Amino acid sequence: NGLSQNNVASPWAKPTQTTTYQVTVTNVYGCTATSSTTVTVQSKPVLQVSGATICVGTSSAISATGANSYTWSPSSGLSNASSSSPIANPTVTTTYQVIGTTNGCSDTESVIVTVNPIPATPLISNVGALTFCSGDSVVLNSSALSGNQWFLAGSAISGANQTSFIAKSAGRSEEHTSEL
C-alpha cells in the first residue's frame, strides 16, 4: 500500500497514514535478509489568514494561524517576517505570501494589504482668525468636493458637512473674532 512498486530496490512511498514497510532481499544463493522502515505521515497545517486596509503612512497587523512557524514574503514593509502577526506598513497595496510550517509540512496562503491614499488637504478660503461684525456672516469654502467636516473649537459643527459653511456671529453688537 502506498508504494510505487513492490519489487524494486528504491520504490516511492506515498502512504495516507503512518506505515511500516518491510523489505526482504534474496541473493543469488537463495539466502534472505529482512529489514523494515516506518514512513511517518504528518498532518499538513491549514493556515487561516487575514489582511488589512490602511491609509498611506499608517500600519496594521496582518495574521496567520494554524502552524508552528511562519515566513512572510516579501519582508519589506513588515515588522517581523517570522511572526504570526507582523505589523504591515507598505507604501502601496501589497500581496504578502505566508508559508506556515509544522513538523516539516507546510501550507501557503496570501493576504493583501490595501493602501488607500490620504485625501488632499482641503484649501479653505478664509483660513485663520476671521473678524466680522455682530449679526453678519461669512462663507467658508473648502476645496474638497466631499467628505468635509467643519469644526469649531475642536467640536464638530452640526450639519456642517458641505463644501461651504456659513459662520454667523451670536448677534451681539460688538465685533466677533472666531478661529476656524
N, C-alpha and C. Protein backbone atom coordinates (compact mmCIF):
# COMPACT_ATOMS: atom_id res chain seq x y z
N ASN A 1 0.84 -1.19 0.00
CA ASN A 1 0.00 0.00 0.00
C ASN A 1 0.87 1.25 0.00
N GLY A 2 0.60 2.13 -0.92
CA GLY A 2 1.33 3.39 -0.98
C GLY A 2 2.68 3.31 -1.62
N LEU A 3 3.09 2.16 -2.19
CA LEU A 3 4.38 2.04 -2.87
C LEU A 3 4.18 2.13 -4.37
N SER A 4 5.15 2.78 -5.04
CA SER A 4 5.07 2.86 -6.50
C SER A 4 5.23 1.48 -7.12
N GLN A 5 6.11 0.67 -6.58
CA GLN A 5 6.32 -0.73 -7.00
C GLN A 5 6.79 -1.51 -5.79
N ASN A 6 6.51 -2.79 -5.76
CA ASN A 6 6.96 -3.56 -4.59
C ASN A 6 8.11 -4.52 -4.89
N ASN A 7 8.63 -4.49 -6.12
CA ASN A 7 9.72 -5.42 -6.44
C ASN A 7 10.97 -4.70 -6.97
N VAL A 8 11.20 -3.47 -6.50
CA VAL A 8 12.39 -2.71 -6.89
C VAL A 8 13.15 -2.28 -5.63
N ALA A 9 14.41 -1.93 -5.82
CA ALA A 9 15.25 -1.56 -4.67
C ALA A 9 14.85 -0.23 -4.04
N SER A 10 14.34 0.72 -4.83
CA SER A 10 14.02 2.06 -4.30
C SER A 10 12.65 2.54 -4.78
N PRO A 11 11.58 1.99 -4.22
CA PRO A 11 10.26 2.45 -4.65
C PRO A 11 9.92 3.79 -3.99
N TRP A 12 8.98 4.51 -4.60
CA TRP A 12 8.45 5.73 -4.00
C TRP A 12 7.34 5.32 -3.04
N ALA A 13 7.40 5.84 -1.81
CA ALA A 13 6.35 5.54 -0.82
C ALA A 13 5.48 6.77 -0.65
N LYS A 14 4.15 6.56 -0.74
CA LYS A 14 3.21 7.66 -0.56
C LYS A 14 1.98 7.13 0.20
N PRO A 15 2.20 6.73 1.45
CA PRO A 15 1.07 6.21 2.22
C PRO A 15 0.17 7.35 2.70
N THR A 16 -1.08 7.04 3.00
CA THR A 16 -2.01 8.05 3.51
C THR A 16 -1.97 8.14 5.03
N GLN A 17 -1.33 7.17 5.66
CA GLN A 17 -1.15 7.18 7.11
C GLN A 17 0.21 6.56 7.44
N THR A 18 0.64 6.74 8.66
CA THR A 18 1.94 6.19 9.07
C THR A 18 1.93 4.67 8.83
N THR A 19 2.98 4.20 8.12
CA THR A 19 3.04 2.81 7.70
C THR A 19 4.46 2.27 7.89
N THR A 20 4.55 1.03 8.37
CA THR A 20 5.84 0.35 8.47
C THR A 20 5.96 -0.59 7.28
N TYR A 21 7.04 -0.41 6.53
CA TYR A 21 7.31 -1.25 5.36
C TYR A 21 8.43 -2.23 5.71
N GLN A 22 8.30 -3.44 5.19
CA GLN A 22 9.32 -4.46 5.39
C GLN A 22 9.83 -4.88 4.01
N VAL A 23 11.14 -4.99 3.90
CA VAL A 23 11.74 -5.42 2.64
C VAL A 23 12.53 -6.70 2.91
N THR A 24 12.35 -7.64 2.01
CA THR A 24 13.12 -8.89 2.07
C THR A 24 13.90 -9.01 0.78
N VAL A 25 15.22 -9.25 0.90
CA VAL A 25 16.07 -9.41 -0.28
C VAL A 25 16.61 -10.84 -0.31
N THR A 26 16.76 -11.33 -1.53
CA THR A 26 17.30 -12.69 -1.72
C THR A 26 18.48 -12.59 -2.66
N ASN A 27 19.61 -13.18 -2.26
CA ASN A 27 20.79 -13.14 -3.14
C ASN A 27 20.77 -14.33 -4.09
N VAL A 28 21.79 -14.43 -4.91
CA VAL A 28 21.87 -15.48 -5.91
C VAL A 28 21.98 -16.88 -5.30
N TYR A 29 22.32 -16.98 -4.03
CA TYR A 29 22.47 -18.28 -3.36
C TYR A 29 21.19 -18.69 -2.65
N GLY A 30 20.15 -17.84 -2.73
CA GLY A 30 18.89 -18.16 -2.07
C GLY A 30 18.82 -17.73 -0.63
N CYS A 31 19.85 -17.01 -0.17
CA CYS A 31 19.84 -16.52 1.20
C CYS A 31 19.01 -15.22 1.26
N THR A 32 18.32 -15.01 2.39
CA THR A 32 17.47 -13.82 2.52
C THR A 32 17.87 -12.99 3.73
N ALA A 33 17.53 -11.74 3.63
CA ALA A 33 17.70 -10.80 4.75
C ALA A 33 16.47 -9.89 4.75
N THR A 34 16.05 -9.49 5.94
CA THR A 34 14.84 -8.66 6.08
C THR A 34 15.17 -7.43 6.90
N SER A 35 14.55 -6.33 6.51
CA SER A 35 14.69 -5.06 7.24
C SER A 35 13.36 -4.32 7.14
N SER A 36 13.17 -3.35 8.02
CA SER A 36 11.92 -2.58 7.96
C SER A 36 12.20 -1.10 8.22
N THR A 37 11.28 -0.29 7.77
CA THR A 37 11.35 1.15 8.00
C THR A 37 9.93 1.67 8.15
N THR A 38 9.80 2.71 8.91
CA THR A 38 8.49 3.33 9.11
C THR A 38 8.46 4.69 8.43
N VAL A 39 7.45 4.88 7.62
CA VAL A 39 7.21 6.19 6.99
C VAL A 39 6.11 6.85 7.80
N THR A 40 6.48 7.96 8.48
CA THR A 40 5.53 8.68 9.31
C THR A 40 4.85 9.77 8.50
N VAL A 41 3.54 9.79 8.51
CA VAL A 41 2.76 10.79 7.79
C VAL A 41 2.31 11.86 8.79
N GLN A 42 2.81 13.07 8.59
CA GLN A 42 2.45 14.20 9.44
C GLN A 42 1.26 14.94 8.82
N SER A 43 0.44 15.52 9.65
CA SER A 43 -0.67 16.32 9.15
C SER A 43 -0.15 17.64 8.61
N LYS A 44 -0.66 18.01 7.46
CA LYS A 44 -0.28 19.28 6.86
C LYS A 44 -1.04 20.40 7.57
N PRO A 45 -0.37 21.51 7.93
CA PRO A 45 -1.08 22.60 8.58
C PRO A 45 -2.08 23.25 7.61
N VAL A 46 -3.13 23.80 8.16
CA VAL A 46 -4.11 24.54 7.37
C VAL A 46 -4.11 25.97 7.90
N LEU A 47 -3.61 26.90 7.08
CA LEU A 47 -3.49 28.28 7.52
C LEU A 47 -4.80 29.04 7.40
N GLN A 48 -5.04 29.91 8.36
CA GLN A 48 -6.12 30.89 8.33
C GLN A 48 -5.41 32.25 8.36
N VAL A 49 -5.72 33.14 7.40
CA VAL A 49 -5.01 34.41 7.30
C VAL A 49 -5.99 35.57 7.25
N SER A 50 -5.47 36.75 7.60
CA SER A 50 -6.26 37.97 7.45
C SER A 50 -5.34 39.11 7.04
N GLY A 51 -5.81 39.90 6.09
CA GLY A 51 -5.07 41.06 5.60
C GLY A 51 -5.56 42.31 6.29
N ALA A 52 -5.38 43.45 5.63
CA ALA A 52 -5.77 44.72 6.24
C ALA A 52 -5.95 45.77 5.16
N THR A 53 -6.64 46.83 5.54
CA THR A 53 -6.76 48.02 4.72
C THR A 53 -6.27 49.19 5.57
N ILE A 54 -5.31 49.94 5.03
CA ILE A 54 -4.72 51.05 5.77
C ILE A 54 -4.69 52.29 4.89
N CYS A 55 -4.38 53.42 5.48
CA CYS A 55 -4.13 54.64 4.74
C CYS A 55 -2.62 54.83 4.61
N VAL A 56 -2.19 55.54 3.59
CA VAL A 56 -0.76 55.80 3.41
C VAL A 56 -0.18 56.36 4.71
N GLY A 57 0.95 55.80 5.13
CA GLY A 57 1.62 56.29 6.34
C GLY A 57 1.15 55.64 7.63
N THR A 58 0.16 54.75 7.57
CA THR A 58 -0.30 54.07 8.78
C THR A 58 0.09 52.59 8.70
N SER A 59 -0.23 51.84 9.73
CA SER A 59 0.12 50.43 9.74
C SER A 59 -0.99 49.63 10.41
N SER A 60 -0.94 48.32 10.22
CA SER A 60 -1.91 47.42 10.84
C SER A 60 -1.30 46.03 10.90
N ALA A 61 -1.77 45.24 11.84
CA ALA A 61 -1.31 43.85 11.94
C ALA A 61 -2.02 43.01 10.88
N ILE A 62 -1.28 42.08 10.29
CA ILE A 62 -1.85 41.02 9.47
C ILE A 62 -1.57 39.74 10.23
N SER A 63 -2.29 38.66 9.93
CA SER A 63 -2.06 37.48 10.76
C SER A 63 -2.25 36.18 10.00
N ALA A 64 -1.62 35.15 10.56
CA ALA A 64 -1.77 33.78 10.10
C ALA A 64 -1.80 32.89 11.33
N THR A 65 -2.66 31.90 11.30
CA THR A 65 -2.73 30.91 12.37
C THR A 65 -2.79 29.53 11.75
N GLY A 66 -2.51 28.50 12.56
CA GLY A 66 -2.63 27.13 12.11
C GLY A 66 -1.31 26.39 11.94
N ALA A 67 -0.18 27.04 12.18
CA ALA A 67 1.12 26.39 12.03
C ALA A 67 1.99 26.73 13.24
N ASN A 68 3.18 26.13 13.28
CA ASN A 68 4.12 26.41 14.37
C ASN A 68 5.09 27.53 14.04
N SER A 69 5.43 27.69 12.76
CA SER A 69 6.34 28.77 12.37
C SER A 69 5.85 29.36 11.06
N TYR A 70 6.26 30.63 10.82
CA TYR A 70 5.76 31.38 9.68
C TYR A 70 6.90 32.12 8.98
N THR A 71 6.79 32.22 7.67
CA THR A 71 7.73 33.02 6.88
C THR A 71 6.91 33.83 5.88
N TRP A 72 7.00 35.17 6.01
CA TRP A 72 6.27 36.09 5.14
C TRP A 72 7.20 36.62 4.06
N SER A 73 6.64 36.82 2.85
CA SER A 73 7.41 37.47 1.80
C SER A 73 6.45 38.25 0.90
N PRO A 74 6.85 39.39 0.38
CA PRO A 74 8.16 39.99 0.64
C PRO A 74 8.21 40.47 2.09
N SER A 75 9.40 40.62 2.60
CA SER A 75 9.55 41.04 4.00
C SER A 75 9.53 42.56 4.15
N SER A 76 9.67 43.28 3.03
CA SER A 76 9.67 44.75 3.11
C SER A 76 8.29 45.23 3.55
N GLY A 77 8.28 46.20 4.42
CA GLY A 77 7.04 46.75 4.95
C GLY A 77 6.47 45.96 6.11
N LEU A 78 7.19 44.93 6.59
CA LEU A 78 6.73 44.12 7.72
C LEU A 78 7.67 44.30 8.90
N SER A 79 7.10 44.32 10.09
CA SER A 79 7.92 44.48 11.29
C SER A 79 8.76 43.24 11.58
N ASN A 80 8.24 42.04 11.28
CA ASN A 80 8.96 40.80 11.56
C ASN A 80 8.43 39.72 10.61
N ALA A 81 9.21 39.34 9.64
CA ALA A 81 8.77 38.38 8.61
C ALA A 81 8.65 36.96 9.15
N SER A 82 8.98 36.72 10.43
CA SER A 82 8.84 35.39 11.03
C SER A 82 7.74 35.33 12.07
N SER A 83 7.00 36.41 12.22
CA SER A 83 5.95 36.48 13.22
C SER A 83 4.63 35.96 12.66
N SER A 84 3.77 35.46 13.53
CA SER A 84 2.43 35.06 13.07
C SER A 84 1.56 36.28 12.82
N SER A 85 1.89 37.42 13.45
CA SER A 85 1.11 38.65 13.29
C SER A 85 2.03 39.87 13.14
N PRO A 86 2.72 39.98 12.00
CA PRO A 86 3.60 41.15 11.83
C PRO A 86 2.79 42.41 11.59
N ILE A 87 3.39 43.54 11.91
CA ILE A 87 2.79 44.84 11.62
C ILE A 87 3.20 45.21 10.20
N ALA A 88 2.21 45.51 9.37
CA ALA A 88 2.47 45.84 7.97
C ALA A 88 2.28 47.34 7.75
N ASN A 89 3.25 47.96 7.08
CA ASN A 89 3.12 49.37 6.71
C ASN A 89 3.73 49.62 5.33
N PRO A 90 3.22 48.91 4.31
CA PRO A 90 3.74 49.16 2.97
C PRO A 90 3.27 50.53 2.47
N THR A 91 3.94 51.05 1.46
CA THR A 91 3.57 52.35 0.90
C THR A 91 2.58 52.21 -0.25
N VAL A 92 2.45 51.01 -0.81
CA VAL A 92 1.49 50.73 -1.88
C VAL A 92 0.79 49.42 -1.55
N THR A 93 -0.36 49.17 -2.18
CA THR A 93 -1.07 47.92 -1.98
C THR A 93 -0.14 46.76 -2.30
N THR A 94 -0.03 45.81 -1.36
CA THR A 94 0.93 44.72 -1.47
C THR A 94 0.28 43.38 -1.14
N THR A 95 0.60 42.36 -1.93
CA THR A 95 0.17 41.00 -1.62
C THR A 95 1.33 40.30 -0.92
N TYR A 96 1.08 39.83 0.29
CA TYR A 96 2.08 39.10 1.06
C TYR A 96 1.73 37.61 1.03
N GLN A 97 2.76 36.78 0.88
CA GLN A 97 2.60 35.33 0.92
C GLN A 97 3.19 34.85 2.24
N VAL A 98 2.48 33.94 2.90
CA VAL A 98 2.99 33.38 4.15
C VAL A 98 3.04 31.86 3.99
N ILE A 99 4.18 31.30 4.44
CA ILE A 99 4.34 29.84 4.49
C ILE A 99 4.31 29.46 5.96
N GLY A 100 3.35 28.62 6.31
CA GLY A 100 3.25 28.12 7.68
C GLY A 100 3.75 26.69 7.72
N THR A 101 4.61 26.38 8.70
CA THR A 101 5.23 25.06 8.78
C THR A 101 5.00 24.44 10.15
N THR A 102 4.64 23.14 10.13
CA THR A 102 4.50 22.34 11.34
C THR A 102 5.06 20.97 11.04
N ASN A 103 6.01 20.50 11.84
CA ASN A 103 6.63 19.16 11.69
C ASN A 103 7.13 18.92 10.27
N GLY A 104 7.70 19.93 9.64
CA GLY A 104 8.26 19.78 8.31
C GLY A 104 7.25 19.88 7.18
N CYS A 105 5.97 19.97 7.49
CA CYS A 105 4.92 20.10 6.47
C CYS A 105 4.49 21.55 6.42
N SER A 106 4.12 22.03 5.23
CA SER A 106 3.80 23.45 5.11
C SER A 106 2.54 23.69 4.29
N ASP A 107 1.98 24.86 4.49
CA ASP A 107 0.85 25.36 3.73
C ASP A 107 1.18 26.80 3.37
N THR A 108 0.68 27.26 2.24
CA THR A 108 0.96 28.62 1.78
C THR A 108 -0.35 29.34 1.51
N GLU A 109 -0.44 30.57 1.97
CA GLU A 109 -1.59 31.43 1.72
C GLU A 109 -1.10 32.83 1.40
N SER A 110 -1.99 33.65 0.86
CA SER A 110 -1.67 35.04 0.54
C SER A 110 -2.67 35.98 1.19
N VAL A 111 -2.20 37.16 1.56
CA VAL A 111 -3.07 38.21 2.08
C VAL A 111 -2.73 39.51 1.36
N ILE A 112 -3.70 40.37 1.29
CA ILE A 112 -3.49 41.67 0.65
C ILE A 112 -3.59 42.76 1.71
N VAL A 113 -2.63 43.68 1.68
CA VAL A 113 -2.72 44.90 2.48
C VAL A 113 -3.01 46.01 1.47
N THR A 114 -4.23 46.51 1.54
CA THR A 114 -4.67 47.57 0.63
C THR A 114 -4.27 48.91 1.24
N VAL A 115 -3.57 49.72 0.46
CA VAL A 115 -3.13 51.04 0.93
C VAL A 115 -3.94 52.09 0.20
N ASN A 116 -4.77 52.79 0.96
CA ASN A 116 -5.60 53.86 0.39
C ASN A 116 -4.89 55.20 0.52
N PRO A 117 -5.08 56.08 -0.47
CA PRO A 117 -4.43 57.39 -0.40
C PRO A 117 -5.10 58.27 0.65
N ILE A 118 -4.32 59.19 1.17
CA ILE A 118 -4.85 60.20 2.09
C ILE A 118 -5.46 61.29 1.23
N PRO A 119 -6.64 61.80 1.59
CA PRO A 119 -7.22 62.86 0.77
C PRO A 119 -6.35 64.11 0.79
N ALA A 120 -6.41 64.85 -0.29
CA ALA A 120 -5.66 66.11 -0.34
C ALA A 120 -6.16 67.04 0.74
N THR A 121 -5.24 67.77 1.35
CA THR A 121 -5.62 68.73 2.37
C THR A 121 -6.47 69.81 1.72
N PRO A 122 -7.70 69.99 2.21
CA PRO A 122 -8.57 70.99 1.57
C PRO A 122 -8.05 72.41 1.81
N LEU A 123 -8.23 73.21 0.84
CA LEU A 123 -7.90 74.63 0.98
C LEU A 123 -9.15 75.36 1.41
N ILE A 124 -9.03 76.17 2.43
CA ILE A 124 -10.17 76.93 2.93
C ILE A 124 -9.95 78.38 2.60
N SER A 125 -10.98 78.98 1.94
CA SER A 125 -10.85 80.38 1.55
C SER A 125 -11.03 81.24 2.77
N ASN A 126 -10.68 81.70 3.60
CA ASN A 126 -10.85 82.49 4.80
C ASN A 126 -10.30 81.67 5.95
N VAL A 127 -9.06 81.28 5.87
CA VAL A 127 -8.49 80.46 6.91
C VAL A 127 -7.87 81.33 7.99
N GLY A 128 -7.88 80.85 9.21
CA GLY A 128 -7.29 81.58 10.32
C GLY A 128 -8.35 82.36 11.08
N ALA A 129 -7.91 83.44 11.74
CA ALA A 129 -8.83 84.25 12.52
C ALA A 129 -9.65 85.13 11.59
N LEU A 130 -10.94 85.11 11.79
CA LEU A 130 -11.85 85.93 10.99
C LEU A 130 -12.49 86.96 11.89
N THR A 131 -12.57 88.16 11.43
CA THR A 131 -13.21 89.23 12.19
C THR A 131 -14.39 89.74 11.40
N PHE A 132 -15.55 89.76 12.03
CA PHE A 132 -16.74 90.30 11.37
C PHE A 132 -17.66 90.88 12.43
N CYS A 133 -18.59 91.69 12.01
CA CYS A 133 -19.47 92.41 12.94
C CYS A 133 -20.63 91.54 13.39
N SER A 134 -21.15 91.87 14.56
CA SER A 134 -22.28 91.17 15.13
C SER A 134 -23.44 91.16 14.15
N GLY A 135 -24.04 89.98 13.99
CA GLY A 135 -25.18 89.84 13.10
C GLY A 135 -24.79 89.56 11.67
N ASP A 136 -23.53 89.78 11.32
CA ASP A 136 -23.06 89.49 9.96
C ASP A 136 -22.68 88.02 9.85
N SER A 137 -22.40 87.59 8.64
CA SER A 137 -21.97 86.21 8.43
C SER A 137 -20.87 86.19 7.39
N VAL A 138 -20.13 85.09 7.35
CA VAL A 138 -19.07 84.92 6.38
C VAL A 138 -19.18 83.48 5.85
N VAL A 139 -18.94 83.29 4.56
CA VAL A 139 -18.99 81.97 3.96
C VAL A 139 -17.58 81.39 3.96
N LEU A 140 -17.45 80.19 4.47
CA LEU A 140 -16.18 79.47 4.45
C LEU A 140 -16.29 78.41 3.35
N ASN A 141 -15.32 78.32 2.47
CA ASN A 141 -15.35 77.38 1.36
C ASN A 141 -14.17 76.42 1.45
N SER A 142 -14.45 75.14 1.18
CA SER A 142 -13.41 74.11 1.15
C SER A 142 -13.22 73.67 -0.29
N SER A 143 -11.98 73.36 -0.65
CA SER A 143 -11.70 72.88 -2.00
C SER A 143 -12.06 71.41 -2.17
N ALA A 144 -12.29 70.70 -1.06
CA ALA A 144 -12.65 69.28 -1.15
C ALA A 144 -14.09 69.15 -1.62
N LEU A 145 -14.33 68.26 -2.58
CA LEU A 145 -15.67 68.10 -3.13
C LEU A 145 -16.59 67.30 -2.23
N SER A 146 -16.02 66.46 -1.36
CA SER A 146 -16.85 65.67 -0.45
C SER A 146 -16.01 65.31 0.77
N GLY A 147 -16.69 64.79 1.78
CA GLY A 147 -16.00 64.34 2.99
C GLY A 147 -15.62 65.46 3.94
N ASN A 148 -16.18 66.65 3.76
CA ASN A 148 -15.86 67.77 4.65
C ASN A 148 -16.55 67.60 5.99
N GLN A 149 -15.89 68.00 7.05
CA GLN A 149 -16.49 68.09 8.37
C GLN A 149 -15.87 69.31 9.03
N TRP A 150 -16.68 70.32 9.28
CA TRP A 150 -16.19 71.57 9.87
C TRP A 150 -16.22 71.45 11.38
N PHE A 151 -15.22 72.08 12.03
CA PHE A 151 -15.09 72.04 13.48
C PHE A 151 -14.93 73.45 14.01
N LEU A 152 -15.46 73.70 15.20
CA LEU A 152 -15.29 74.97 15.90
C LEU A 152 -14.83 74.63 17.30
N ALA A 153 -13.68 75.11 17.67
CA ALA A 153 -13.09 74.84 18.99
C ALA A 153 -13.01 73.35 19.28
N GLY A 154 -12.66 72.55 18.28
CA GLY A 154 -12.44 71.12 18.47
C GLY A 154 -13.70 70.27 18.42
N SER A 155 -14.88 70.86 18.30
CA SER A 155 -16.12 70.09 18.24
C SER A 155 -16.73 70.22 16.85
N ALA A 156 -17.29 69.13 16.37
CA ALA A 156 -17.93 69.17 15.06
C ALA A 156 -19.15 70.08 15.10
N ILE A 157 -19.35 70.80 14.03
CA ILE A 157 -20.50 71.69 13.93
C ILE A 157 -21.62 70.88 13.29
N SER A 158 -22.76 70.84 13.93
CA SER A 158 -23.90 70.06 13.44
C SER A 158 -24.31 70.52 12.05
N GLY A 159 -24.50 69.57 11.15
CA GLY A 159 -24.96 69.89 9.80
C GLY A 159 -23.93 70.56 8.92
N ALA A 160 -22.66 70.52 9.31
CA ALA A 160 -21.63 71.24 8.56
C ALA A 160 -20.74 70.27 7.79
N ASN A 161 -21.33 69.46 6.93
CA ASN A 161 -20.53 68.53 6.15
C ASN A 161 -20.57 68.89 4.66
N GLN A 162 -20.76 70.12 4.36
CA GLN A 162 -20.84 70.61 3.00
C GLN A 162 -19.49 71.18 2.56
N THR A 163 -19.38 71.55 1.26
CA THR A 163 -18.15 72.18 0.80
C THR A 163 -18.06 73.62 1.26
N SER A 164 -19.21 74.23 1.62
CA SER A 164 -19.16 75.58 2.19
C SER A 164 -20.03 75.60 3.43
N PHE A 165 -19.73 76.53 4.31
CA PHE A 165 -20.44 76.65 5.58
C PHE A 165 -20.56 78.13 5.92
N ILE A 166 -21.72 78.55 6.39
CA ILE A 166 -21.92 79.96 6.76
C ILE A 166 -21.72 80.10 8.26
N ALA A 167 -20.73 80.90 8.63
CA ALA A 167 -20.47 81.19 10.04
C ALA A 167 -21.14 82.51 10.36
N LYS A 168 -21.95 82.53 11.41
CA LYS A 168 -22.68 83.74 11.79
C LYS A 168 -22.41 84.03 13.25
N SER A 169 -22.26 85.32 13.59
CA SER A 169 -21.97 85.69 14.98
C SER A 169 -23.22 85.50 15.83
N ALA A 170 -23.02 85.56 17.13
CA ALA A 170 -24.11 85.31 18.08
C ALA A 170 -25.13 86.43 18.13
N GLY A 171 -24.91 87.53 17.48
CA GLY A 171 -25.89 88.61 17.44
C GLY A 171 -25.62 89.74 18.41
N ARG A 172 -24.49 89.78 19.04
CA ARG A 172 -24.15 90.90 19.91
C ARG A 172 -23.80 92.10 19.06
N SER A 173 -23.70 93.21 19.68
CA SER A 173 -23.43 94.43 18.92
C SER A 173 -21.94 94.72 18.77
N GLU A 174 -21.07 93.86 19.31
CA GLU A 174 -19.64 94.10 19.16
C GLU A 174 -19.07 93.23 18.05
N GLU A 175 -17.86 93.55 17.71
CA GLU A 175 -17.16 92.78 16.68
C GLU A 175 -16.84 91.39 17.22
N HIS A 176 -16.91 90.35 16.36
CA HIS A 176 -16.70 88.97 16.79
C HIS A 176 -15.52 88.38 16.03
N THR A 177 -14.62 87.73 16.75
CA THR A 177 -13.49 87.05 16.12
C THR A 177 -13.61 85.56 16.42
N SER A 178 -13.47 84.73 15.39
CA SER A 178 -13.58 83.29 15.57
C SER A 178 -12.40 82.63 14.88
N GLU A 179 -11.83 81.61 15.50
CA GLU A 179 -10.73 80.85 14.92
C GLU A 179 -11.31 79.54 14.40
N LEU A 180 -11.22 79.29 13.07
CA LEU A 180 -11.73 78.07 12.46
C LEU A 180 -10.59 77.30 11.87
